[in-house]
């Protein structure tokens, strides 16, 4: 066996740790994009859904003598509104489901990173552990990553539960979902900072 074929266990541990850190950062970046898509692009879809829900609610409350349309026309418009609301919510629900899956991947990757880091022997001399001028120390990625994973859990659960509570005939339930479609500034700041430093891994 030559000196070149001998694997330094320290380098192997560092490489495995770095691979887990990269996987965590990539899944976090992907989930952050999903959240941004849900709270920006999808918000317009939710606005349209809300407008249809308001129209449906007005038609439900309208007395037959107060509308110039026949009851058959009103029923047809109501059915159209419900159909469109349902179709839009199906599309939104698919995004929420993908976001939940993305979050679970982030969580699994973080847990894998933690497991690997718990097995690292004292490798203080490595740039991965100690950091350098462009990269934070591994401890920082673990600490901030934990905070992000915890906050994302709360955010994703809120999106999921508020979405599941939507009643297509209840305008307020759709409004509650629209109102929850935001990312708190603190989480956004942590994510942006973390992902900025993740570029240099």
Protein backbone atom coordinates (compact mmCIF):
# COMPACT_ATOMS: atom_id res chain seq x y z
CA UNK A 1 0.00 0.00 0.00
CA UNK A 2 1.48 3.33 -1.03
CA UNK A 3 1.25 6.53 0.94
CA UNK A 4 -1.14 7.89 -1.68
CA UNK A 5 -3.70 5.10 -1.17
CA UNK A 6 -3.83 5.46 2.60
CA UNK A 7 -7.00 7.28 3.58
CA UNK A 8 -6.57 9.74 6.37
CA UNK A 9 -9.52 9.15 8.72
CA UNK A 10 -9.62 12.84 9.54
CA UNK A 11 -9.99 13.78 5.87
CA UNK A 12 -12.65 11.12 5.43
CA UNK A 13 -14.64 12.49 8.38
CA UNK A 14 -14.28 16.00 7.07
CA UNK A 15 -15.42 14.97 3.59
CA UNK A 16 -18.48 13.12 4.92
CA UNK A 17 -19.37 16.06 7.17
CA UNK A 18 -18.97 18.49 4.29
CA UNK A 19 -21.22 16.33 2.08
CA UNK A 20 -23.92 16.36 4.77
CA UNK A 21 -23.56 20.11 5.21
CA UNK A 22 -23.86 20.66 1.45
CA UNK A 23 -26.97 18.43 1.30
CA UNK A 24 -28.56 20.37 4.16
CA UNK A 25 -27.78 23.72 2.53
CA UNK A 26 -29.09 22.61 -0.88
CA UNK A 27 -32.36 21.32 0.58
CA UNK A 28 -32.72 24.50 2.62
CA UNK A 29 -32.15 26.66 -0.47
CA UNK A 30 -34.76 24.67 -2.40
CA UNK A 31 -37.32 24.92 0.42
CA UNK A 32 -36.68 28.65 0.75
CA UNK A 33 -37.48 29.04 -2.96
CA UNK A 34 -40.69 27.03 -2.43
CA UNK A 35 -41.71 29.31 0.43
CA UNK A 36 -40.99 32.41 -1.64
CA UNK A 37 -43.06 31.01 -4.52
CA UNK A 38 -45.94 30.23 -2.18
CA UNK A 39 -45.98 33.66 -0.56
CA UNK A 40 -45.42 35.70 -3.73
CA UNK A 41 -46.58 33.95 -6.90
CA UNK A 42 -49.32 31.92 -5.27
CA UNK A 43 -50.66 34.93 -3.40
CA UNK A 44 -52.19 36.23 -6.66
CA UNK A 45 -53.93 32.87 -7.10
CA UNK A 46 -55.27 33.08 -3.54
CA UNK A 47 -56.47 36.64 -4.23
CA UNK A 48 -58.45 35.37 -7.23
CA UNK A 49 -59.82 32.51 -5.13
CA UNK A 50 -60.85 35.00 -2.46
CA UNK A 51 -62.61 37.20 -5.04
CA UNK A 52 -64.58 34.18 -6.30
CA UNK A 53 -65.42 33.23 -2.71
CA UNK A 54 -66.76 36.74 -2.06
CA UNK A 55 -68.84 36.53 -5.22
CA UNK A 56 -70.17 33.13 -4.16
CA UNK A 57 -71.02 34.44 -0.69
CA UNK A 58 -72.91 37.40 -2.17
CA UNK A 59 -74.86 35.07 -4.43
CA UNK A 60 -75.68 32.83 -1.46
CA UNK A 61 -77.04 35.78 0.51
CA UNK A 62 -78.91 37.40 -2.39
CA UNK A 63 -82.66 37.16 -2.29
CA UNK A 64 -84.23 36.03 -5.57
CA UNK A 65 -86.23 39.27 -5.88
CA UNK A 66 -83.08 41.44 -5.47
CA UNK A 67 -81.23 40.03 -8.46
CA UNK A 68 -82.04 40.55 -12.15
CA UNK A 69 -81.04 36.95 -12.87
CA UNK A 70 -83.22 33.88 -12.76
CA UNK A 71 -82.65 31.39 -9.96
CA UNK A 72 -81.26 28.92 -12.54
CA UNK A 73 -78.69 31.53 -13.66
CA UNK A 74 -77.73 32.31 -10.07
CA UNK A 75 -77.34 28.58 -9.34
CA UNK A 76 -75.17 28.19 -12.46
CA UNK A 77 -72.93 31.10 -11.41
CA UNK A 78 -72.66 29.72 -7.87
CA UNK A 79 -71.62 26.31 -9.21
CA UNK A 80 -69.08 27.98 -11.51
CA UNK A 81 -67.65 29.92 -8.57
CA UNK A 82 -67.33 26.78 -6.43
CA UNK A 83 -65.73 24.89 -9.30
CA UNK A 84 -63.15 27.64 -9.89
CA UNK A 85 -62.45 28.02 -6.15
CA UNK A 86 -61.95 24.27 -5.88
CA UNK A 87 -59.59 24.12 -8.88
CA UNK A 88 -57.49 27.02 -7.60
CA UNK A 89 -57.30 25.48 -4.13
CA UNK A 90 -56.20 22.15 -5.59
CA UNK A 91 -53.26 23.92 -7.29
CA UNK A 92 -52.41 25.78 -4.07
CA UNK A 93 -52.71 22.56 -2.08
CA UNK A 94 -50.16 20.88 -4.35
CA UNK A 95 -47.68 23.67 -3.58
CA UNK A 96 -48.33 23.36 0.15
CA UNK A 97 -47.80 19.58 -0.07
CA UNK A 98 -44.52 20.06 -1.95
CA UNK A 99 -43.42 22.59 0.66
CA UNK A 100 -44.15 20.11 3.46
CA UNK A 101 -42.10 17.45 1.62
CA UNK A 102 -39.30 19.97 1.12
CA UNK A 103 -39.30 20.82 4.80
CA UNK A 104 -39.11 17.13 5.76
CA UNK A 105 -36.08 16.78 3.49
CA UNK A 106 -34.46 19.77 5.22
CA UNK A 107 -35.16 18.19 8.60
CA UNK A 108 -33.73 14.80 7.55
CA UNK A 109 -30.62 16.46 6.13
CA UNK A 110 -30.13 18.50 9.28
CA UNK A 111 -30.51 15.42 11.47
CA UNK A 112 -27.99 13.59 9.29
CA UNK A 113 -25.56 16.48 9.65
CA UNK A 114 -26.00 16.44 13.41
CA UNK A 115 -25.36 12.68 13.57
CA UNK A 116 -22.17 13.00 11.53
CA UNK A 117 -20.98 15.93 13.63
CA UNK A 118 -21.56 13.97 16.84
CA UNK A 119 -19.13 11.33 15.57
CA UNK A 120 -16.37 13.74 14.59
CA UNK A 121 -13.25 13.39 16.63
CA UNK A 122 -11.34 16.48 17.52
CA UNK A 123 -10.57 17.96 14.09
CA UNK A 124 -10.01 21.52 15.20
CA UNK A 125 -7.31 22.09 12.59
CA UNK A 126 -9.71 21.75 9.69
CA UNK A 127 -11.22 24.77 7.90
CA UNK A 128 -14.61 23.05 7.96
CA UNK A 129 -14.60 22.93 11.75
CA UNK A 130 -12.86 26.22 12.51
CA UNK A 131 -14.06 28.22 9.53
CA UNK A 132 -11.99 30.61 7.47
CA UNK A 133 -12.30 34.11 6.03
CA UNK A 134 -15.14 33.05 3.71
CA UNK A 135 -16.83 30.29 5.65
CA UNK A 136 -18.31 30.23 9.13
CA UNK A 137 -17.26 27.52 11.60
CA UNK A 138 -19.27 24.28 11.53
CA UNK A 139 -20.71 25.10 14.95
CA UNK A 140 -22.33 28.23 13.45
CA UNK A 141 -24.02 26.20 10.68
CA UNK A 142 -25.32 23.76 13.28
CA UNK A 143 -26.56 26.45 15.68
CA UNK A 144 -28.20 28.71 13.07
CA UNK A 145 -29.39 25.68 11.10
CA UNK A 146 -31.16 24.37 14.21
CA UNK A 147 -32.90 27.72 14.72
CA UNK A 148 -33.95 27.81 11.05
CA UNK A 149 -35.26 24.22 11.10
CA UNK A 150 -37.26 24.97 14.25
CA UNK A 151 -38.73 28.18 12.81
CA UNK A 152 -39.46 26.52 9.46
CA UNK A 153 -41.34 23.79 11.30
CA UNK A 154 -43.65 26.39 12.84
CA UNK A 155 -44.07 28.19 9.51
CA UNK A 156 -44.81 25.05 7.48
CA UNK A 157 -47.25 23.74 10.10
CA UNK A 158 -49.06 27.09 10.05
CA UNK A 159 -49.32 27.01 6.23
CA UNK A 160 -50.48 23.39 6.28
CA UNK A 161 -53.06 23.68 9.08
CA UNK A 162 -54.49 26.96 7.82
CA UNK A 163 -54.80 25.51 4.33
CA UNK A 164 -56.47 22.34 5.60
CA UNK A 165 -58.99 24.47 7.52
CA UNK A 166 -60.26 26.11 4.33
CA UNK A 167 -63.95 25.63 3.67
CA UNK A 168 -64.63 26.61 0.06
CA UNK A 169 -67.97 28.10 1.05
CA UNK A 170 -66.40 30.14 3.88
CA UNK A 171 -64.68 33.35 2.76
CA UNK A 172 -63.03 33.93 6.14
CA UNK A 173 -61.20 30.59 5.99
CA UNK A 174 -59.66 31.56 2.63
CA UNK A 175 -58.82 35.01 4.02
CA UNK A 176 -57.04 33.39 7.01
CA UNK A 177 -54.92 31.34 4.61
CA UNK A 178 -54.06 34.44 2.59
CA UNK A 179 -53.12 36.28 5.78
CA UNK A 180 -50.74 33.50 6.86
CA UNK A 181 -48.88 33.59 3.53
CA UNK A 182 -45.91 35.55 4.78
CA UNK A 183 -42.53 34.76 6.17
CA UNK A 184 -41.60 36.51 9.41
CA UNK A 185 -38.70 38.95 8.98
CA UNK A 186 -36.57 37.14 11.56
CA UNK A 187 -36.80 33.81 9.72
CA UNK A 188 -36.21 35.50 6.38
CA UNK A 189 -33.10 37.22 7.78
CA UNK A 190 -31.71 33.95 9.22
CA UNK A 191 -32.34 32.12 5.95
CA UNK A 192 -30.72 34.79 3.81
CA UNK A 193 -27.66 35.03 6.04
CA UNK A 194 -27.31 31.25 6.28
CA UNK A 195 -27.65 30.74 2.53
CA UNK A 196 -25.17 33.54 1.85
CA UNK A 197 -22.51 31.70 3.87
CA UNK A 198 -23.59 28.34 2.44
CA UNK A 199 -22.28 29.46 -0.97
CA UNK A 200 -18.71 29.08 0.27
CA UNK A 201 -18.98 25.52 1.57
